[in-house]
Amino acid sequence: MSFAQPHTILLAGANRGLGLGLAREYLHRGWAVIATARRPEAASDLQVLAQDHAGRLSIEALDIADPGSVKALAGRLAGRRIDVLFVVAGASANKDTPIQDIAPEAIAQEFITNATAPVALAEVLLPHLSPGAPVAFMTSILGSLASNAGGGLDTYRASKAALNMLALNFSLRHKERPVLLLHPGWVRTDMGGSSAPVDVETSARGLADQIEHATKPGITYLDYQGQTLPW
């Protein structure tokens, strides 16, 4: 994929973990980065990164689950071209709690954050994307129905499966652009835990490579190494 300079990526959910790692990776590749955080003033690592890359990293406030916050972001982006949109934000709040023990409002919040809000954000930001610009959603192999042999993580698995379906619908509505569902691997982050085998840098580099290779319209479900995953 090649764009006229400057290349710009919007990373929705970049204050820590993989989002922060992706911001570093894209800055290393020479891109301009728009990184969102719910509370930019508290995103100290992003603030330092912005100081180190003056003029190439901007930080925007965004609560992906708040439609008002999404619309406000779209308004602030008026006149800016986005060459890649990557919705990274997600949650795994309920872990291995049995489904019958999870409060309905907690289930709803996880589904909004992981499934409906990412696609709604992409729809709102579409007018800011350059023609044919890829849209990527951070999903998980845990959202694959075909590969679920162990069970558990009820709401996380179900919400990521729902994201996959909604992203497919999004792709069918917007057949002119590449849409990627990306599994980052089991990564050493707050969500993945300290025993995860993949470091943030390796995953971020692989994810960026998959986006770079996304030149054809249509949807793909891949891991960070480019392996096609079963639905």
C-alpha atoms as a PDB file:
ATOM      1  CA  MET A   1       0.000   0.000   0.000  1.00  0.00           C
ATOM      2  CA  SER A   2       1.373   3.412  -0.844  1.00  0.00           C
ATOM      3  CA  PHE A   3      -0.097   6.813  -0.138  1.00  0.00           C
ATOM      4  CA  ALA A   4       1.015  10.301  -1.021  1.00  0.00           C
ATOM      5  CA  GLN A   5       2.675  11.898   1.981  1.00  0.00           C
ATOM      6  CA  PRO A   6       1.766  12.297   4.714  1.00  0.00           C
ATOM      7  CA  HIS A   7       0.230   8.970   5.690  1.00  0.00           C
ATOM      8  CA  THR A   8      -2.183   9.256   8.615  1.00  0.00           C
ATOM      9  CA  ILE A   9      -3.637   6.502  10.780  1.00  0.00           C
ATOM     10  CA  LEU A  10      -6.302   6.951  13.419  1.00  0.00           C
ATOM     11  CA  LEU A  11      -5.879   4.527  16.306  1.00  0.00           C
ATOM     12  CA  ALA A  12      -9.003   4.381  18.440  1.00  0.00           C
ATOM     13  CA  GLY A  13      -7.867   3.300  21.905  1.00  0.00           C
ATOM     14  CA  ALA A  14      -4.132   3.978  22.019  1.00  0.00           C
ATOM     15  CA  ASN A  15      -3.308   5.019  25.564  1.00  0.00           C
ATOM     16  CA  ARG A  16      -1.830   1.647  26.610  1.00  0.00           C
ATOM     17  CA  GLY A  17      -1.062  -1.906  25.553  1.00  0.00           C
ATOM     18  CA  LEU A  18      -1.398  -2.741  21.876  1.00  0.00           C
ATOM     19  CA  GLY A  19      -2.821   0.658  20.959  1.00  0.00           C
ATOM     20  CA  LEU A  20       0.238   2.386  22.385  1.00  0.00           C
ATOM     21  CA  GLY A  21       2.493  -0.180  20.728  1.00  0.00           C
ATOM     22  CA  LEU A  22       0.816   0.472  17.379  1.00  0.00           C
ATOM     23  CA  ALA A  23       1.290   4.225  17.812  1.00  0.00           C
ATOM     24  CA  ARG A  24       5.016   3.632  18.336  1.00  0.00           C
ATOM     25  CA  GLU A  25       5.187   1.272  15.345  1.00  0.00           C
ATOM     26  CA  TYR A  26       3.495   3.681  12.962  1.00  0.00           C
ATOM     27  CA  LEU A  27       5.598   6.608  14.140  1.00  0.00           C
ATOM     28  CA  HIS A  28       8.670   4.441  13.502  1.00  0.00           C
ATOM     29  CA  ARG A  29       7.356   3.869   9.961  1.00  0.00           C
ATOM     30  CA  GLY A  30       7.095   7.608   9.385  1.00  0.00           C
ATOM     31  CA  TRP A  31       3.333   7.957   9.632  1.00  0.00           C
ATOM     32  CA  ALA A  32       1.316  10.673  11.290  1.00  0.00           C
ATOM     33  CA  VAL A  33      -0.796   9.222  14.097  1.00  0.00           C
ATOM     34  CA  ILE A  34      -4.071  10.379  15.587  1.00  0.00           C
ATOM     35  CA  ALA A  35      -4.319   8.481  18.878  1.00  0.00           C
ATOM     36  CA  THR A  36      -7.446   8.504  21.006  1.00  0.00           C
ATOM     37  CA  ALA A  37      -7.841   8.059  24.737  1.00  0.00           C
ATOM     38  CA  ARG A  38     -10.818   8.476  27.014  1.00  0.00           C
ATOM     39  CA  ARG A  39      -8.791  10.850  29.196  1.00  0.00           C
ATOM     40  CA  PRO A  40      -5.868  12.319  27.212  1.00  0.00           C
ATOM     41  CA  GLU A  41      -4.636  14.243  30.242  1.00  0.00           C
ATOM     42  CA  ALA A  42      -4.078  10.927  32.054  1.00  0.00           C
ATOM     43  CA  ALA A  43      -2.443   9.148  29.087  1.00  0.00           C
ATOM     44  CA  SER A  44       1.099   9.862  30.267  1.00  0.00           C
ATOM     45  CA  ASP A  45       2.852   7.444  27.897  1.00  0.00           C
ATOM     46  CA  LEU A  46       1.058   8.960  24.915  1.00  0.00           C
ATOM     47  CA  GLN A  47       1.924  12.439  26.124  1.00  0.00           C
ATOM     48  CA  VAL A  48       5.615  11.542  26.243  1.00  0.00           C
ATOM     49  CA  LEU A  49       5.389   9.960  22.793  1.00  0.00           C
ATOM     50  CA  ALA A  50       3.782  13.135  21.452  1.00  0.00           C
ATOM     51  CA  GLN A  51       6.620  15.220  22.847  1.00  0.00           C
ATOM     52  CA  ASP A  52       9.185  12.928  21.236  1.00  0.00           C
ATOM     53  CA  HIS A  53       7.428  13.110  17.841  1.00  0.00           C
ATOM     54  CA  ALA A  54       6.311  16.713  17.714  1.00  0.00           C
ATOM     55  CA  GLY A  55       3.865  17.368  14.905  1.00  0.00           C
ATOM     56  CA  ARG A  56       3.321  13.693  13.997  1.00  0.00           C
ATOM     57  CA  LEU A  57       1.290  12.454  16.966  1.00  0.00           C
ATOM     58  CA  SER A  58      -1.911  14.152  18.039  1.00  0.00           C
ATOM     59  CA  ILE A  59      -4.044  12.926  20.933  1.00  0.00           C
ATOM     60  CA  GLU A  60      -7.814  13.176  20.816  1.00  0.00           C
ATOM     61  CA  ALA A  61     -10.405  12.485  23.510  1.00  0.00           C
ATOM     62  CA  LEU A  62     -12.774   9.627  22.674  1.00  0.00           C
ATOM     63  CA  ASP A  63     -15.078   7.377  24.644  1.00  0.00           C
ATOM     64  CA  ILE A  64     -15.922   4.845  21.963  1.00  0.00           C
ATOM     65  CA  ALA A  65     -19.119   3.807  23.760  1.00  0.00           C
ATOM     66  CA  ASP A  66     -20.479   7.367  23.906  1.00  0.00           C
ATOM     67  CA  PRO A  67     -22.150   8.480  20.648  1.00  0.00           C
ATOM     68  CA  GLY A  68     -21.764  12.114  21.656  1.00  0.00           C
ATOM     69  CA  SER A  69     -18.016  11.657  22.094  1.00  0.00           C
ATOM     70  CA  VAL A  70     -17.806   9.956  18.684  1.00  0.00           C
ATOM     71  CA  LYS A  71     -19.645  12.801  16.956  1.00  0.00           C
ATOM     72  CA  ALA A  72     -17.482  15.370  18.712  1.00  0.00           C
ATOM     73  CA  LEU A  73     -14.342  13.627  17.473  1.00  0.00           C
ATOM     74  CA  ALA A  74     -15.687  13.589  13.920  1.00  0.00           C
ATOM     75  CA  GLY A  75     -16.290  17.327  14.184  1.00  0.00           C
ATOM     76  CA  ARG A  76     -12.741  18.000  15.371  1.00  0.00           C
ATOM     77  CA  LEU A  77     -11.333  15.952  12.485  1.00  0.00           C
ATOM     78  CA  ALA A  78     -12.972  18.146   9.858  1.00  0.00           C
ATOM     79  CA  GLY A  79     -10.524  18.728   7.015  1.00  0.00           C
ATOM     80  CA  ARG A  80      -8.142  15.920   8.002  1.00  0.00           C
ATOM     81  CA  ARG A  81      -7.607  12.925   5.753  1.00  0.00           C
ATOM     82  CA  ILE A  82      -7.277   9.475   7.324  1.00  0.00           C
ATOM     83  CA  ASP A  83      -5.485   6.768   5.337  1.00  0.00           C
ATOM     84  CA  VAL A  84      -6.133   3.920   7.804  1.00  0.00           C
ATOM     85  CA  LEU A  85      -8.672   3.570  10.601  1.00  0.00           C
ATOM     86  CA  PHE A  86      -7.811   0.947  13.218  1.00  0.00           C
ATOM     87  CA  VAL A  87     -10.300   0.471  16.049  1.00  0.00           C
ATOM     88  CA  VAL A  88      -8.201  -1.091  18.803  1.00  0.00           C
ATOM     89  CA  ALA A  89     -10.318  -0.411  21.885  1.00  0.00           C
ATOM     90  CA  GLY A  90     -11.839  -3.393  23.653  1.00  0.00           C
ATOM     91  CA  ALA A  91     -12.644  -4.837  27.062  1.00  0.00           C
ATOM     92  CA  SER A  92     -12.598  -8.173  28.847  1.00  0.00           C
ATOM     93  CA  ALA A  93     -14.283  -7.222  32.073  1.00  0.00           C
ATOM     94  CA  ASN A  94     -16.079 -10.425  32.995  1.00  0.00           C
ATOM     95  CA  LYS A  95     -13.259 -12.954  32.456  1.00  0.00           C
ATOM     96  CA  ASP A  96     -14.366 -16.453  33.476  1.00  0.00           C
ATOM     97  CA  THR A  97     -17.453 -15.428  35.435  1.00  0.00           C
ATOM     98  CA  PRO A  98     -20.299 -17.793  34.463  1.00  0.00           C
ATOM     99  CA  ILE A  99     -22.852 -16.093  32.243  1.00  0.00           C
ATOM    100  CA  GLN A 100     -25.614 -16.555  34.818  1.00  0.00           C
ATOM    101  CA  ASP A 101     -23.585 -14.603  37.394  1.00  0.00           C
ATOM    102  CA  ILE A 102     -22.926 -11.542  35.219  1.00  0.00           C
ATOM    103  CA  ALA A 103     -25.223  -8.563  35.622  1.00  0.00           C
ATOM    104  CA  PRO A 104     -27.156  -7.760  32.442  1.00  0.00           C
ATOM    105  CA  GLU A 105     -25.769  -4.223  32.385  1.00  0.00           C
ATOM    106  CA  ALA A 106     -22.204  -5.588  32.512  1.00  0.00           C
ATOM    107  CA  ILE A 107     -22.937  -7.890  29.584  1.00  0.00           C
ATOM    108  CA  ALA A 108     -24.415  -4.984  27.650  1.00  0.00           C
ATOM    109  CA  GLN A 109     -21.403  -2.778  28.328  1.00  0.00           C
ATOM    110  CA  GLU A 110     -18.964  -5.412  27.083  1.00  0.00           C
ATOM    111  CA  PHE A 111     -21.006  -5.921  23.910  1.00  0.00           C
ATOM    112  CA  ILE A 112     -21.189  -2.182  23.273  1.00  0.00           C
ATOM    113  CA  THR A 113     -17.444  -1.712  23.762  1.00  0.00           C
ATOM    114  CA  ASN A 114     -16.324  -4.782  21.814  1.00  0.00           C
ATOM    115  CA  ALA A 115     -18.957  -5.192  19.114  1.00  0.00           C
ATOM    116  CA  THR A 116     -21.335  -2.350  18.337  1.00  0.00           C
ATOM    117  CA  ALA A 117     -19.288   0.762  19.183  1.00  0.00           C
ATOM    118  CA  PRO A 118     -16.280  -0.069  16.935  1.00  0.00           C
ATOM    119  CA  VAL A 119     -18.480  -0.438  13.849  1.00  0.00           C
ATOM    120  CA  ALA A 120     -20.580   2.610  14.736  1.00  0.00           C
ATOM    121  CA  LEU A 121     -17.359   4.630  15.051  1.00  0.00           C
ATOM    122  CA  ALA A 122     -16.186   3.450  11.642  1.00  0.00           C
ATOM    123  CA  GLU A 123     -19.483   4.496  10.065  1.00  0.00           C
ATOM    124  CA  VAL A 124     -19.316   7.973  11.582  1.00  0.00           C
ATOM    125  CA  LEU A 125     -15.687   8.480  10.507  1.00  0.00           C
ATOM    126  CA  LEU A 126     -16.126   7.181   6.956  1.00  0.00           C
ATOM    127  CA  PRO A 127     -16.383  10.684   5.433  1.00  0.00           C
ATOM    128  CA  HIS A 128     -12.868  11.395   6.750  1.00  0.00           C
ATOM    129  CA  LEU A 129     -11.284   8.331   5.129  1.00  0.00           C
ATOM    130  CA  SER A 130      -9.435   8.590   1.843  1.00  0.00           C
ATOM    131  CA  PRO A 131     -10.852   6.514  -1.067  1.00  0.00           C
ATOM    132  CA  GLY A 132     -10.106   2.822  -0.551  1.00  0.00           C
ATOM    133  CA  ALA A 133      -8.594   3.403   2.896  1.00  0.00           C
ATOM    134  CA  PRO A 134      -8.530   0.193   4.972  1.00  0.00           C
ATOM    135  CA  VAL A 135     -10.646  -0.126   8.091  1.00  0.00           C
ATOM    136  CA  ALA A 136      -9.295  -2.548  10.709  1.00  0.00           C
ATOM    137  CA  PHE A 137     -10.991  -3.875  13.814  1.00  0.00           C
ATOM    138  CA  MET A 138      -9.113  -5.557  16.655  1.00  0.00           C
ATOM    139  CA  THR A 139     -10.877  -8.854  17.174  1.00  0.00           C
ATOM    140  CA  SER A 140      -9.666 -12.194  18.560  1.00  0.00           C
ATOM    141  CA  ILE A 141      -9.406 -15.851  17.636  1.00  0.00           C
ATOM    142  CA  LEU A 142     -11.704 -16.253  20.650  1.00  0.00           C
ATOM    143  CA  GLY A 143     -14.474 -14.837  18.479  1.00  0.00           C
ATOM    144  CA  SER A 144     -14.170 -17.745  16.051  1.00  0.00           C
ATOM    145  CA  LEU A 145     -17.036 -20.235  16.310  1.00  0.00           C
ATOM    146  CA  ALA A 146     -15.128 -22.908  14.406  1.00  0.00           C
ATOM    147  CA  SER A 147     -12.061 -22.858  16.651  1.00  0.00           C
ATOM    148  CA  ASN A 148     -13.810 -22.803  20.036  1.00  0.00           C
ATOM    149  CA  ALA A 149     -12.798 -26.102  21.585  1.00  0.00           C
ATOM    150  CA  GLY A 150     -12.350 -25.001  25.198  1.00  0.00           C
ATOM    151  CA  GLY A 151     -15.271 -22.715  26.016  1.00  0.00           C
ATOM    152  CA  GLY A 152     -15.123 -20.122  28.774  1.00  0.00           C
ATOM    153  CA  LEU A 153     -14.875 -16.334  28.538  1.00  0.00           C
ATOM    154  CA  ASP A 154     -18.543 -16.262  27.584  1.00  0.00           C
ATOM    155  CA  THR A 155     -19.130 -12.553  27.106  1.00  0.00           C
ATOM    156  CA  TYR A 156     -15.722 -11.820  25.574  1.00  0.00           C
ATOM    157  CA  ARG A 157     -16.029 -14.646  23.029  1.00  0.00           C
ATOM    158  CA  ALA A 158     -19.616 -13.731  22.184  1.00  0.00           C
ATOM    159  CA  SER A 159     -18.867 -10.018  21.841  1.00  0.00           C
ATOM    160  CA  LYS A 160     -15.936 -10.665  19.508  1.00  0.00           C
ATOM    161  CA  ALA A 161     -18.052 -13.057  17.433  1.00  0.00           C
ATOM    162  CA  ALA A 162     -20.647 -10.278  17.231  1.00  0.00           C
ATOM    163  CA  LEU A 163     -17.942  -7.819  16.150  1.00  0.00           C
ATOM    164  CA  ASN A 164     -16.935 -10.219  13.381  1.00  0.00           C
ATOM    165  CA  MET A 165     -20.519 -10.358  12.111  1.00  0.00           C
ATOM    166  CA  LEU A 166     -21.018  -6.602  12.301  1.00  0.00           C
ATOM    167  CA  ALA A 167     -17.701  -6.012  10.522  1.00  0.00           C
ATOM    168  CA  LEU A 168     -18.848  -8.368   7.766  1.00  0.00           C
ATOM    169  CA  ASN A 169     -22.041  -6.340   7.424  1.00  0.00           C
ATOM    170  CA  PHE A 170     -19.934  -3.163   7.353  1.00  0.00           C
ATOM    171  CA  SER A 171     -17.798  -4.634   4.585  1.00  0.00           C
ATOM    172  CA  LEU A 172     -20.855  -5.561   2.535  1.00  0.00           C
ATOM    173  CA  ARG A 173     -22.128  -1.984   2.865  1.00  0.00           C
ATOM    174  CA  HIS A 174     -18.762  -0.560   1.794  1.00  0.00           C
ATOM    175  CA  LYS A 175     -17.510  -2.965  -0.841  1.00  0.00           C
ATOM    176  CA  GLU A 176     -14.996  -0.483  -2.225  1.00  0.00           C
ATOM    177  CA  ARG A 177     -12.539  -0.741   0.674  1.00  0.00           C
ATOM    178  CA  PRO A 178     -10.494  -3.380   2.518  1.00  0.00           C
ATOM    179  CA  VAL A 179     -11.840  -4.379   5.935  1.00  0.00           C
ATOM    180  CA  LEU A 180      -9.649  -6.360   8.309  1.00  0.00           C
ATOM    181  CA  LEU A 181     -10.547  -8.329  11.411  1.00  0.00           C
ATOM    182  CA  LEU A 182      -7.208  -8.712  13.165  1.00  0.00           C
ATOM    183  CA  HIS A 183      -6.222 -11.091  15.960  1.00  0.00           C
ATOM    184  CA  PRO A 184      -3.086  -9.790  17.712  1.00  0.00           C
ATOM    185  CA  GLY A 185      -2.026 -13.114  19.221  1.00  0.00           C
ATOM    186  CA  TRP A 186      -1.790 -13.751  22.929  1.00  0.00           C
ATOM    187  CA  VAL A 187       0.082 -10.602  23.901  1.00  0.00           C
ATOM    188  CA  ARG A 188       1.739  -9.518  27.151  1.00  0.00           C
ATOM    189  CA  THR A 189      -0.577  -6.654  28.070  1.00  0.00           C
ATOM    190  CA  ASP A 190      -2.845  -5.914  31.033  1.00  0.00           C
ATOM    191  CA  MET A 191      -5.532  -7.945  29.264  1.00  0.00           C
ATOM    192  CA  GLY A 192      -3.275 -10.771  28.053  1.00  0.00           C
ATOM    193  CA  GLY A 193      -1.286 -11.178  31.263  1.00  0.00           C
ATOM    194  CA  SER A 194       2.407 -11.584  31.989  1.00  0.00           C
ATOM    195  CA  SER A 195       2.595 -15.217  30.801  1.00  0.00           C
ATOM    196  CA  ALA A 196       1.502 -14.424  27.226  1.00  0.00           C
ATOM    197  CA  PRO A 197       4.103 -15.555  24.664  1.00  0.00           C
ATOM    198  CA  VAL A 198       3.988 -12.543  22.301  1.00  0.00           C
ATOM    199  CA  ASP A 199       5.394  -9.116  23.150  1.00  0.00           C
ATOM    200  CA  VAL A 200       3.639  -5.904  22.165  1.00  0.00           C
ATOM    201  CA  GLU A 201       6.323  -4.869  19.674  1.00  0.00           C
ATOM    202  CA  THR A 202       6.141  -8.125  17.703  1.00  0.00           C
ATOM    203  CA  SER A 203       2.357  -8.063  17.560  1.00  0.00           C
ATOM    204  CA  ALA A 204       2.179  -4.381  16.594  1.00  0.00           C
ATOM    205  CA  ARG A 205       4.733  -4.866  13.834  1.00  0.00           C
ATOM    206  CA  GLY A 206       2.810  -7.850  12.449  1.00  0.00           C
ATOM    207  CA  LEU A 207      -0.534  -6.075  12.612  1.00  0.00           C
ATOM    208  CA  ALA A 208       0.856  -3.070  10.764  1.00  0.00           C
ATOM    209  CA  ASP A 209       2.270  -5.420   8.114  1.00  0.00           C
ATOM    210  CA  GLN A 210      -1.153  -6.997   7.542  1.00  0.00           C
ATOM    211  CA  ILE A 211      -2.725  -3.564   7.067  1.00  0.00           C
ATOM    212  CA  GLU A 212       0.037  -2.582   4.659  1.00  0.00           C
ATOM    213  CA  HIS A 213      -0.717  -5.662   2.557  1.00  0.00           C
ATOM    214  CA  ALA A 214      -4.465  -4.946   2.481  1.00  0.00           C
ATOM    215  CA  THR A 215      -4.864  -3.615  -1.044  1.00  0.00           C
ATOM    216  CA  LYS A 216      -7.996  -5.446  -2.224  1.00  0.00           C
ATOM    217  CA  PRO A 217     -11.594  -4.631  -1.268  1.00  0.00           C
ATOM    218  CA  GLY A 218     -13.423  -7.145   0.894  1.00  0.00           C
ATOM    219  CA  ILE A 219     -13.070  -8.550   4.387  1.00  0.00           C
ATOM    220  CA  THR A 220     -10.303 -10.736   5.814  1.00  0.00           C
ATOM    221  CA  TYR A 221      -9.973 -12.383   9.244  1.00  0.00           C
ATOM    222  CA  LEU A 222      -6.289 -12.726  10.025  1.00  0.00           C
ATOM    223  CA  ASP A 223      -3.814 -13.035  12.848  1.00  0.00           C
ATOM    224  CA  TYR A 224      -0.806 -10.769  13.234  1.00  0.00           C
ATOM    225  CA  GLN A 225       1.325 -13.194  11.201  1.00  0.00           C
ATOM    226  CA  GLY A 226      -1.051 -13.099   8.234  1.00  0.00           C
ATOM    227  CA  GLN A 227      -2.671 -16.492   8.821  1.00  0.00           C
ATOM    228  CA  THR A 228      -6.321 -16.697   7.761  1.00  0.00           C
ATOM    229  CA  LEU A 229      -8.553 -17.618  10.699  1.00  0.00           C
ATOM    230  CA  PRO A 230     -11.692 -19.767  10.629  1.00  0.00           C
ATOM    231  CA  TRP A 231     -14.991 -18.001  11.171  1.00  0.00           C
END
